[in-house]
Amino acid sequence: NFGWDEDKNDNSRASCSSELSNYITTIFLNRV
């Protein structure tokens, strides 16, 4: 899945959050 990361206040530009047991992940792009 893909989504915006609306609340990041650090210098990261994107992130990947994965549920290893289900093989489900969301890749986020930092909005700002």
PDB file of all heavy atoms in Angstrom:
ATOM      1  N   ASN A   1       0.863  -1.178   0.000  1.00  0.00           N
ATOM      2  CA  ASN A   1       0.000   0.000   0.000  1.00  0.00           C
ATOM      3  C   ASN A   1       0.900   1.229   0.000  1.00  0.00           C
ATOM      4  O   ASN A   1       2.062   1.172   0.416  1.00  0.00           O
ATOM      5  CB  ASN A   1      -0.894   0.004   1.241  1.00  0.00           C
ATOM      6  CG  ASN A   1      -1.726  -1.254   1.326  1.00  0.00           C
ATOM      7  OD1 ASN A   1      -2.572  -1.496   0.477  1.00  0.00           O
ATOM      8  ND2 ASN A   1      -1.479  -2.080   2.332  1.00  0.00           N
ATOM      9  N   PHE A   2       0.336   2.337  -0.444  1.00  0.00           N
ATOM     10  CA  PHE A   2       1.081   3.591  -0.479  1.00  0.00           C
ATOM     11  C   PHE A   2       0.280   4.660   0.239  1.00  0.00           C
ATOM     12  O   PHE A   2      -0.946   4.647   0.210  1.00  0.00           O
ATOM     13  CB  PHE A   2       1.335   4.032  -1.931  1.00  0.00           C
ATOM     14  CG  PHE A   2       2.217   3.087  -2.686  1.00  0.00           C
ATOM     15  CD1 PHE A   2       1.662   2.064  -3.441  1.00  0.00           C
ATOM     16  CD2 PHE A   2       3.591   3.198  -2.622  1.00  0.00           C
ATOM     17  CE1 PHE A   2       2.464   1.174  -4.128  1.00  0.00           C
ATOM     18  CE2 PHE A   2       4.409   2.310  -3.301  1.00  0.00           C
ATOM     19  CZ  PHE A   2       3.841   1.296  -4.057  1.00  0.00           C
ATOM     20  N   GLY A   3       0.993   5.578   0.880  1.00  0.00           N
ATOM     21  CA  GLY A   3       0.300   6.651   1.576  1.00  0.00           C
ATOM     22  C   GLY A   3       1.216   7.832   1.826  1.00  0.00           C
ATOM     23  O   GLY A   3       2.430   7.742   1.675  1.00  0.00           O
ATOM     24  N   TRP A   4       0.576   8.914   2.204  1.00  0.00           N
ATOM     25  CA  TRP A   4       1.304  10.104   2.623  1.00  0.00           C
ATOM     26  C   TRP A   4       1.643   9.984   4.101  1.00  0.00           C
ATOM     27  O   TRP A   4       0.837   9.502   4.877  1.00  0.00           O
ATOM     28  CB  TRP A   4       0.437  11.348   2.463  1.00  0.00           C
ATOM     29  CG  TRP A   4       0.243  11.843   1.071  1.00  0.00           C
ATOM     30  CD1 TRP A   4      -0.914  11.814   0.367  1.00  0.00           C
ATOM     31  CD2 TRP A   4       1.206  12.484   0.240  1.00  0.00           C
ATOM     32  NE1 TRP A   4      -0.735  12.387  -0.857  1.00  0.00           N
ATOM     33  CE2 TRP A   4       0.566  12.822  -0.968  1.00  0.00           C
ATOM     34  CE3 TRP A   4       2.549  12.813   0.391  1.00  0.00           C
ATOM     35  CZ2 TRP A   4       1.213  13.463  -2.017  1.00  0.00           C
ATOM     36  CZ3 TRP A   4       3.199  13.451  -0.650  1.00  0.00           C
ATOM     37  CH2 TRP A   4       2.535  13.770  -1.833  1.00  0.00           C
ATOM     38  N   ASP A   5       2.813  10.434   4.476  1.00  0.00           N
ATOM     39  CA  ASP A   5       3.147  10.612   5.888  1.00  0.00           C
ATOM     40  C   ASP A   5       2.980  12.100   6.167  1.00  0.00           C
ATOM     41  O   ASP A   5       3.786  12.916   5.741  1.00  0.00           O
ATOM     42  CB  ASP A   5       4.564  10.140   6.181  1.00  0.00           C
ATOM     43  CG  ASP A   5       4.831  10.031   7.662  1.00  0.00           C
ATOM     44  OD1 ASP A   5       4.079  10.635   8.449  1.00  0.00           O
ATOM     45  OD2 ASP A   5       5.786   9.344   8.037  1.00  0.00           O
ATOM     46  N   GLU A   6       1.912  12.424   6.840  1.00  0.00           N
ATOM     47  CA  GLU A   6       1.541  13.823   7.062  1.00  0.00           C
ATOM     48  C   GLU A   6       2.228  14.448   8.271  1.00  0.00           C
ATOM     49  O   GLU A   6       2.335  15.662   8.354  1.00  0.00           O
ATOM     50  CB  GLU A   6       0.022  13.937   7.261  1.00  0.00           C
ATOM     51  CG  GLU A   6      -0.797  13.371   6.132  1.00  0.00           C
ATOM     52  CD  GLU A   6      -0.898  14.284   4.918  1.00  0.00           C
ATOM     53  OE1 GLU A   6      -0.407  15.426   4.965  1.00  0.00           O
ATOM     54  OE2 GLU A   6      -1.458  13.830   3.912  1.00  0.00           O
ATOM     55  N   ASP A   7       2.674  13.628   9.206  1.00  0.00           N
ATOM     56  CA  ASP A   7       3.087  14.149  10.511  1.00  0.00           C
ATOM     57  C   ASP A   7       4.578  14.118  10.778  1.00  0.00           C
ATOM     58  O   ASP A   7       4.996  14.454  11.865  1.00  0.00           O
ATOM     59  CB  ASP A   7       2.366  13.372  11.616  1.00  0.00           C
ATOM     60  CG  ASP A   7       0.860  13.524  11.524  1.00  0.00           C
ATOM     61  OD1 ASP A   7       0.406  14.632  11.192  1.00  0.00           O
ATOM     62  OD2 ASP A   7       0.156  12.538  11.767  1.00  0.00           O
ATOM     63  N   LYS A   8       5.364  13.689   9.817  1.00  0.00           N
ATOM     64  CA  LYS A   8       6.804  13.619  10.061  1.00  0.00           C
ATOM     65  C   LYS A   8       7.388  15.009  10.196  1.00  0.00           C
ATOM     66  O   LYS A   8       7.163  15.872   9.363  1.00  0.00           O
ATOM     67  CB  LYS A   8       7.513  12.903   8.903  1.00  0.00           C
ATOM     68  CG  LYS A   8       7.434  11.403   8.978  1.00  0.00           C
ATOM     69  CD  LYS A   8       8.576  10.886   9.814  1.00  0.00           C
ATOM     70  CE  LYS A   8       8.405   9.432  10.059  1.00  0.00           C
ATOM     71  NZ  LYS A   8       9.348   8.543   9.616  1.00  0.00           N
ATOM     72  N   ASN A   9       8.137  15.208  11.253  1.00  0.00           N
ATOM     73  CA  ASN A   9       8.795  16.496  11.456  1.00  0.00           C
ATOM     74  C   ASN A   9      10.309  16.356  11.419  1.00  0.00           C
ATOM     75  O   ASN A   9      11.020  17.239  11.851  1.00  0.00           O
ATOM     76  CB  ASN A   9       8.361  17.100  12.801  1.00  0.00           C
ATOM     77  CG  ASN A   9       6.914  17.525  12.779  1.00  0.00           C
ATOM     78  OD1 ASN A   9       6.426  17.990  11.756  1.00  0.00           O
ATOM     79  ND2 ASN A   9       6.225  17.351  13.882  1.00  0.00           N
ATOM     80  N   ASP A  10      10.774  15.242  10.910  1.00  0.00           N
ATOM     81  CA  ASP A  10      12.224  15.059  10.805  1.00  0.00           C
ATOM     82  C   ASP A  10      12.640  15.222   9.339  1.00  0.00           C
ATOM     83  O   ASP A  10      11.860  15.669   8.513  1.00  0.00           O
ATOM     84  CB  ASP A  10      12.653  13.707  11.370  1.00  0.00           C
ATOM     85  CG  ASP A  10      11.983  12.540  10.658  1.00  0.00           C
ATOM     86  OD1 ASP A  10      11.421  12.745   9.565  1.00  0.00           O
ATOM     87  OD2 ASP A  10      12.027  11.421  11.191  1.00  0.00           O
ATOM     88  N   ASN A  11      13.830  14.865   9.026  1.00  0.00           N
ATOM     89  CA  ASN A  11      14.340  15.040   7.667  1.00  0.00           C
ATOM     90  C   ASN A  11      14.105  13.830   6.777  1.00  0.00           C
ATOM     91  O   ASN A  11      14.591  13.803   5.658  1.00  0.00           O
ATOM     92  CB  ASN A  11      15.833  15.372   7.708  1.00  0.00           C
ATOM     93  CG  ASN A  11      16.075  16.770   8.245  1.00  0.00           C
ATOM     94  OD1 ASN A  11      15.257  17.655   8.039  1.00  0.00           O
ATOM     95  ND2 ASN A  11      17.175  16.962   8.927  1.00  0.00           N
ATOM     96  N   SER A  12      13.378  12.827   7.256  1.00  0.00           N
ATOM     97  CA  SER A  12      13.145  11.659   6.412  1.00  0.00           C
ATOM     98  C   SER A  12      12.226  12.036   5.257  1.00  0.00           C
ATOM     99  O   SER A  12      11.325  12.860   5.403  1.00  0.00           O
ATOM    100  CB  SER A  12      12.546  10.511   7.222  1.00  0.00           C
ATOM    101  OG  SER A  12      11.251  10.831   7.643  1.00  0.00           O
ATOM    102  N   ARG A  13      12.483  11.448   4.124  1.00  0.00           N
ATOM    103  CA  ARG A  13      11.693  11.768   2.946  1.00  0.00           C
ATOM    104  C   ARG A  13      10.628  10.725   2.681  1.00  0.00           C
ATOM    105  O   ARG A  13       9.625  11.004   2.039  1.00  0.00           O
ATOM    106  CB  ARG A  13      12.623  11.934   1.751  1.00  0.00           C
ATOM    107  CG  ARG A  13      13.563  13.139   1.956  1.00  0.00           C
ATOM    108  CD  ARG A  13      14.654  13.184   0.970  1.00  0.00           C
ATOM    109  NE  ARG A  13      15.583  12.096   1.275  1.00  0.00           N
ATOM    110  CZ  ARG A  13      16.633  11.792   0.554  1.00  0.00           C
ATOM    111  NH1 ARG A  13      16.910  12.471  -0.521  1.00  0.00           N
ATOM    112  NH2 ARG A  13      17.417  10.802   0.887  1.00  0.00           N
ATOM    113  N   ALA A  14      10.846   9.518   3.187  1.00  0.00           N
ATOM    114  CA  ALA A  14       9.889   8.425   2.990  1.00  0.00           C
ATOM    115  C   ALA A  14      10.184   7.362   4.039  1.00  0.00           C
ATOM    116  O   ALA A  14      11.209   7.399   4.721  1.00  0.00           O
ATOM    117  CB  ALA A  14      10.011   7.849   1.582  1.00  0.00           C
ATOM    118  N   SER A  15       9.269   6.393   4.144  1.00  0.00           N
ATOM    119  CA  SER A  15       9.476   5.290   5.088  1.00  0.00           C
ATOM    120  C   SER A  15       8.690   4.077   4.616  1.00  0.00           C
ATOM    121  O   SER A  15       7.801   4.182   3.774  1.00  0.00           O
ATOM    122  CB  SER A  15       9.051   5.688   6.505  1.00  0.00           C
ATOM    123  OG  SER A  15       7.680   6.010   6.532  1.00  0.00           O
ATOM    124  N   CYS A  16       9.036   2.946   5.199  1.00  0.00           N
ATOM    125  CA  CYS A  16       8.408   1.678   4.847  1.00  0.00           C
ATOM    126  C   CYS A  16       8.054   0.977   6.155  1.00  0.00           C
ATOM    127  O   CYS A  16       8.925   0.747   6.991  1.00  0.00           O
ATOM    128  CB  CYS A  16       9.381   0.842   4.020  1.00  0.00           C
ATOM    129  SG  CYS A  16       8.757  -0.728   3.448  1.00  0.00           S
ATOM    130  N   SER A  17       6.781   0.652   6.331  1.00  0.00           N
ATOM    131  CA  SER A  17       6.310  -0.010   7.543  1.00  0.00           C
ATOM    132  C   SER A  17       5.707  -1.353   7.160  1.00  0.00           C
ATOM    133  O   SER A  17       4.726  -1.393   6.408  1.00  0.00           O
ATOM    134  CB  SER A  17       5.275   0.876   8.236  1.00  0.00           C
ATOM    135  OG  SER A  17       4.740   0.221   9.357  1.00  0.00           O
ATOM    136  N   SER A  18       6.281  -2.431   7.682  1.00  0.00           N
ATOM    137  CA  SER A  18       5.890  -3.769   7.229  1.00  0.00           C
ATOM    138  C   SER A  18       5.406  -4.658   8.359  1.00  0.00           C
ATOM    139  O   SER A  18       5.931  -4.608   9.467  1.00  0.00           O
ATOM    140  CB  SER A  18       7.081  -4.456   6.566  1.00  0.00           C
ATOM    141  OG  SER A  18       7.556  -3.684   5.496  1.00  0.00           O
ATOM    142  N   GLU A  19       4.383  -5.454   8.055  1.00  0.00           N
ATOM    143  CA  GLU A  19       3.920  -6.529   8.930  1.00  0.00           C
ATOM    144  C   GLU A  19       4.515  -7.818   8.372  1.00  0.00           C
ATOM    145  O   GLU A  19       4.022  -8.355   7.370  1.00  0.00           O
ATOM    146  CB  GLU A  19       2.401  -6.606   8.930  1.00  0.00           C
ATOM    147  CG  GLU A  19       1.717  -5.403   9.515  1.00  0.00           C
ATOM    148  CD  GLU A  19       0.206  -5.507   9.414  1.00  0.00           C
ATOM    149  OE1 GLU A  19      -0.334  -6.637   9.432  1.00  0.00           O
ATOM    150  OE2 GLU A  19      -0.425  -4.456   9.310  1.00  0.00           O
ATOM    151  N   LEU A  20       5.558  -8.293   9.006  1.00  0.00           N
ATOM    152  CA  LEU A  20       6.315  -9.412   8.459  1.00  0.00           C
ATOM    153  C   LEU A  20       5.510 -10.703   8.400  1.00  0.00           C
ATOM    154  O   LEU A  20       5.654 -11.479   7.457  1.00  0.00           O
ATOM    155  CB  LEU A  20       7.588  -9.636   9.281  1.00  0.00           C
ATOM    156  CG  LEU A  20       8.541  -8.436   9.333  1.00  0.00           C
ATOM    157  CD1 LEU A  20       9.737  -8.766  10.208  1.00  0.00           C
ATOM    158  CD2 LEU A  20       8.968  -8.027   7.949  1.00  0.00           C
ATOM    159  N   SER A  21       4.662 -10.941   9.377  1.00  0.00           N
ATOM    160  CA  SER A  21       3.926 -12.205   9.406  1.00  0.00           C
ATOM    161  C   SER A  21       2.863 -12.280   8.313  1.00  0.00           C
ATOM    162  O   SER A  21       2.509 -13.359   7.866  1.00  0.00           O
ATOM    163  CB  SER A  21       3.277 -12.408  10.780  1.00  0.00           C
ATOM    164  OG  SER A  21       2.376 -11.349  11.040  1.00  0.00           O
ATOM    165  N   ASN A  22       2.366 -11.126   7.863  1.00  0.00           N
ATOM    166  CA  ASN A  22       1.303 -11.092   6.849  1.00  0.00           C
ATOM    167  C   ASN A  22       1.803 -10.700   5.469  1.00  0.00           C
ATOM    168  O   ASN A  22       1.025 -10.697   4.527  1.00  0.00           O
ATOM    169  CB  ASN A  22       0.224 -10.078   7.248  1.00  0.00           C
ATOM    170  CG  ASN A  22      -0.407 -10.382   8.563  1.00  0.00           C
ATOM    171  OD1 ASN A  22      -0.079 -11.338   9.237  1.00  0.00           O
ATOM    172  ND2 ASN A  22      -1.342  -9.549   8.952  1.00  0.00           N
ATOM    173  N   TYR A  23       3.063 -10.308   5.367  1.00  0.00           N
ATOM    174  CA  TYR A  23       3.605  -9.788   4.111  1.00  0.00           C
ATOM    175  C   TYR A  23       2.769  -8.613   3.600  1.00  0.00           C
ATOM    176  O   TYR A  23       2.395  -8.550   2.432  1.00  0.00           O
ATOM    177  CB  TYR A  23       3.713 -10.884   3.043  1.00  0.00           C
ATOM    178  CG  TYR A  23       4.854 -11.835   3.295  1.00  0.00           C
ATOM    179  CD1 TYR A  23       4.684 -12.981   4.054  1.00  0.00           C
ATOM    180  CD2 TYR A  23       6.108 -11.571   2.783  1.00  0.00           C
ATOM    181  CE1 TYR A  23       5.734 -13.845   4.287  1.00  0.00           C
ATOM    182  CE2 TYR A  23       7.170 -12.435   3.005  1.00  0.00           C
ATOM    183  CZ  TYR A  23       6.971 -13.570   3.766  1.00  0.00           C
ATOM    184  OH  TYR A  23       8.017 -14.411   3.995  1.00  0.00           O
ATOM    185  N   ILE A  24       2.484  -7.684   4.500  1.00  0.00           N
ATOM    186  CA  ILE A  24       1.765  -6.467   4.150  1.00  0.00           C
ATOM    187  C   ILE A  24       2.658  -5.287   4.512  1.00  0.00           C
ATOM    188  O   ILE A  24       3.242  -5.258   5.606  1.00  0.00           O
ATOM    189  CB  ILE A  24       0.428  -6.358   4.910  1.00  0.00           C
ATOM    190  CG1 ILE A  24      -0.492  -7.522   4.553  1.00  0.00           C
ATOM    191  CG2 ILE A  24      -0.255  -5.016   4.609  1.00  0.00           C
ATOM    192  CD1 ILE A  24      -1.746  -7.604   5.409  1.00  0.00           C
ATOM    193  N   THR A  25       2.770  -4.342   3.612  1.00  0.00           N
ATOM    194  CA  THR A  25       3.594  -3.172   3.889  1.00  0.00           C
ATOM    195  C   THR A  25       2.921  -1.910   3.373  1.00  0.00           C
ATOM    196  O   THR A  25       2.118  -1.963   2.449  1.00  0.00           O
ATOM    197  CB  THR A  25       5.000  -3.315   3.260  1.00  0.00           C
ATOM    198  OG1 THR A  25       5.857  -2.317   3.793  1.00  0.00           O
ATOM    199  CG2 THR A  25       4.960  -3.209   1.749  1.00  0.00           C
ATOM    200  N   THR A  26       3.263  -0.798   3.989  1.00  0.00           N
ATOM    201  CA  THR A  26       2.861   0.500   3.477  1.00  0.00           C
ATOM    202  C   THR A  26       4.125   1.330   3.297  1.00  0.00           C
ATOM    203  O   THR A  26       4.944   1.429   4.209  1.00  0.00           O
ATOM    204  CB  THR A  26       1.890   1.224   4.430  1.00  0.00           C
ATOM    205  OG1 THR A  26       0.743   0.388   4.635  1.00  0.00           O
ATOM    206  CG2 THR A  26       1.441   2.557   3.831  1.00  0.00           C
ATOM    207  N   ILE A  27       4.259   1.866   2.108  1.00  0.00           N
ATOM    208  CA  ILE A  27       5.374   2.753   1.806  1.00  0.00           C
ATOM    209  C   ILE A  27       4.813   4.173   1.822  1.00  0.00           C
ATOM    210  O   ILE A  27       3.882   4.492   1.094  1.00  0.00           O
ATOM    211  CB  ILE A  27       6.009   2.413   0.447  1.00  0.00           C
ATOM    212  CG1 ILE A  27       6.550   0.977   0.464  1.00  0.00           C
ATOM    213  CG2 ILE A  27       7.124   3.412   0.124  1.00  0.00           C
ATOM    214  CD1 ILE A  27       7.102   0.499  -0.865  1.00  0.00           C
ATOM    215  N   PHE A  28       5.387   4.981   2.697  1.00  0.00           N
ATOM    216  CA  PHE A  28       4.916   6.347   2.903  1.00  0.00           C
ATOM    217  C   PHE A  28       5.875   7.343   2.267  1.00  0.00           C
ATOM    218  O   PHE A  28       7.093   7.187   2.361  1.00  0.00           O
ATOM    219  CB  PHE A  28       4.844   6.678   4.396  1.00  0.00           C
ATOM    220  CG  PHE A  28       3.824   5.879   5.156  1.00  0.00           C
ATOM    221  CD1 PHE A  28       4.201   4.757   5.878  1.00  0.00           C
ATOM    222  CD2 PHE A  28       2.491   6.259   5.144  1.00  0.00           C
ATOM    223  CE1 PHE A  28       3.267   4.025   6.586  1.00  0.00           C
ATOM    224  CE2 PHE A  28       1.542   5.535   5.855  1.00  0.00           C
ATOM    225  CZ  PHE A  28       1.929   4.422   6.571  1.00  0.00           C
ATOM    226  N   LEU A  29       5.312   8.363   1.659  1.00  0.00           N
ATOM    227  CA  LEU A  29       6.085   9.502   1.183  1.00  0.00           C
ATOM    228  C   LEU A  29       5.787  10.666   2.121  1.00  0.00           C
ATOM    229  O   LEU A  29       4.616  10.970   2.385  1.00  0.00           O
ATOM    230  CB  LEU A  29       5.679   9.867  -0.252  1.00  0.00           C
ATOM    231  CG  LEU A  29       6.425  11.045  -0.885  1.00  0.00           C
ATOM    232  CD1 LEU A  29       7.927  10.772  -0.976  1.00  0.00           C
ATOM    233  CD2 LEU A  29       5.853  11.345  -2.268  1.00  0.00           C
ATOM    234  N   ASN A  30       6.837  11.269   2.652  1.00  0.00           N
ATOM    235  CA  ASN A  30       6.651  12.405   3.542  1.00  0.00           C
ATOM    236  C   ASN A  30       6.040  13.564   2.748  1.00  0.00           C
ATOM    237  O   ASN A  30       6.525  13.916   1.676  1.00  0.00           O
ATOM    238  CB  ASN A  30       7.989  12.822   4.153  1.00  0.00           C
ATOM    239  CG  ASN A  30       7.823  13.734   5.346  1.00  0.00           C
ATOM    240  OD1 ASN A  30       6.760  14.291   5.572  1.00  0.00           O
ATOM    241  ND2 ASN A  30       8.894  13.892   6.107  1.00  0.00           N
ATOM    242  N   ARG A  31       4.972  14.131   3.254  1.00  0.00           N
ATOM    243  CA  ARG A  31       4.244  15.199   2.548  1.00  0.00           C
ATOM    244  C   ARG A  31       5.049  16.488   2.481  1.00  0.00           C
ATOM    245  O   ARG A  31       4.955  17.233   1.519  1.00  0.00           O
ATOM    246  CB  ARG A  31       2.912  15.443   3.259  1.00  0.00           C
ATOM    247  CG  ARG A  31       2.140  16.629   2.778  1.00  0.00           C
ATOM    248  CD  ARG A  31       1.419  16.446   1.497  1.00  0.00           C
ATOM    249  NE  ARG A  31       0.187  15.715   1.712  1.00  0.00           N
ATOM    250  CZ  ARG A  31      -0.717  15.505   0.779  1.00  0.00           C
ATOM    251  NH1 ARG A  31      -0.530  15.990  -0.423  1.00  0.00           N
ATOM    252  NH2 ARG A  31      -1.786  14.804   1.012  1.00  0.00           N
ATOM    253  N   VAL A  32       5.859  16.768   3.503  1.00  0.00           N
ATOM    254  CA  VAL A  32       6.587  18.037   3.562  1.00  0.00           C
ATOM    255  C   VAL A  32       8.093  17.769   3.538  1.00  0.00           C
ATOM    256  O   VAL A  32       8.607  17.004   4.354  1.00  0.00           O
ATOM    257  CB  VAL A  32       6.206  18.828   4.836  1.00  0.00           C
ATOM    258  CG1 VAL A  32       6.986  20.128   4.920  1.00  0.00           C
ATOM    259  CG2 VAL A  32       4.704  19.096   4.867  1.00  0.00           C
TER     260      VAL A  32
END
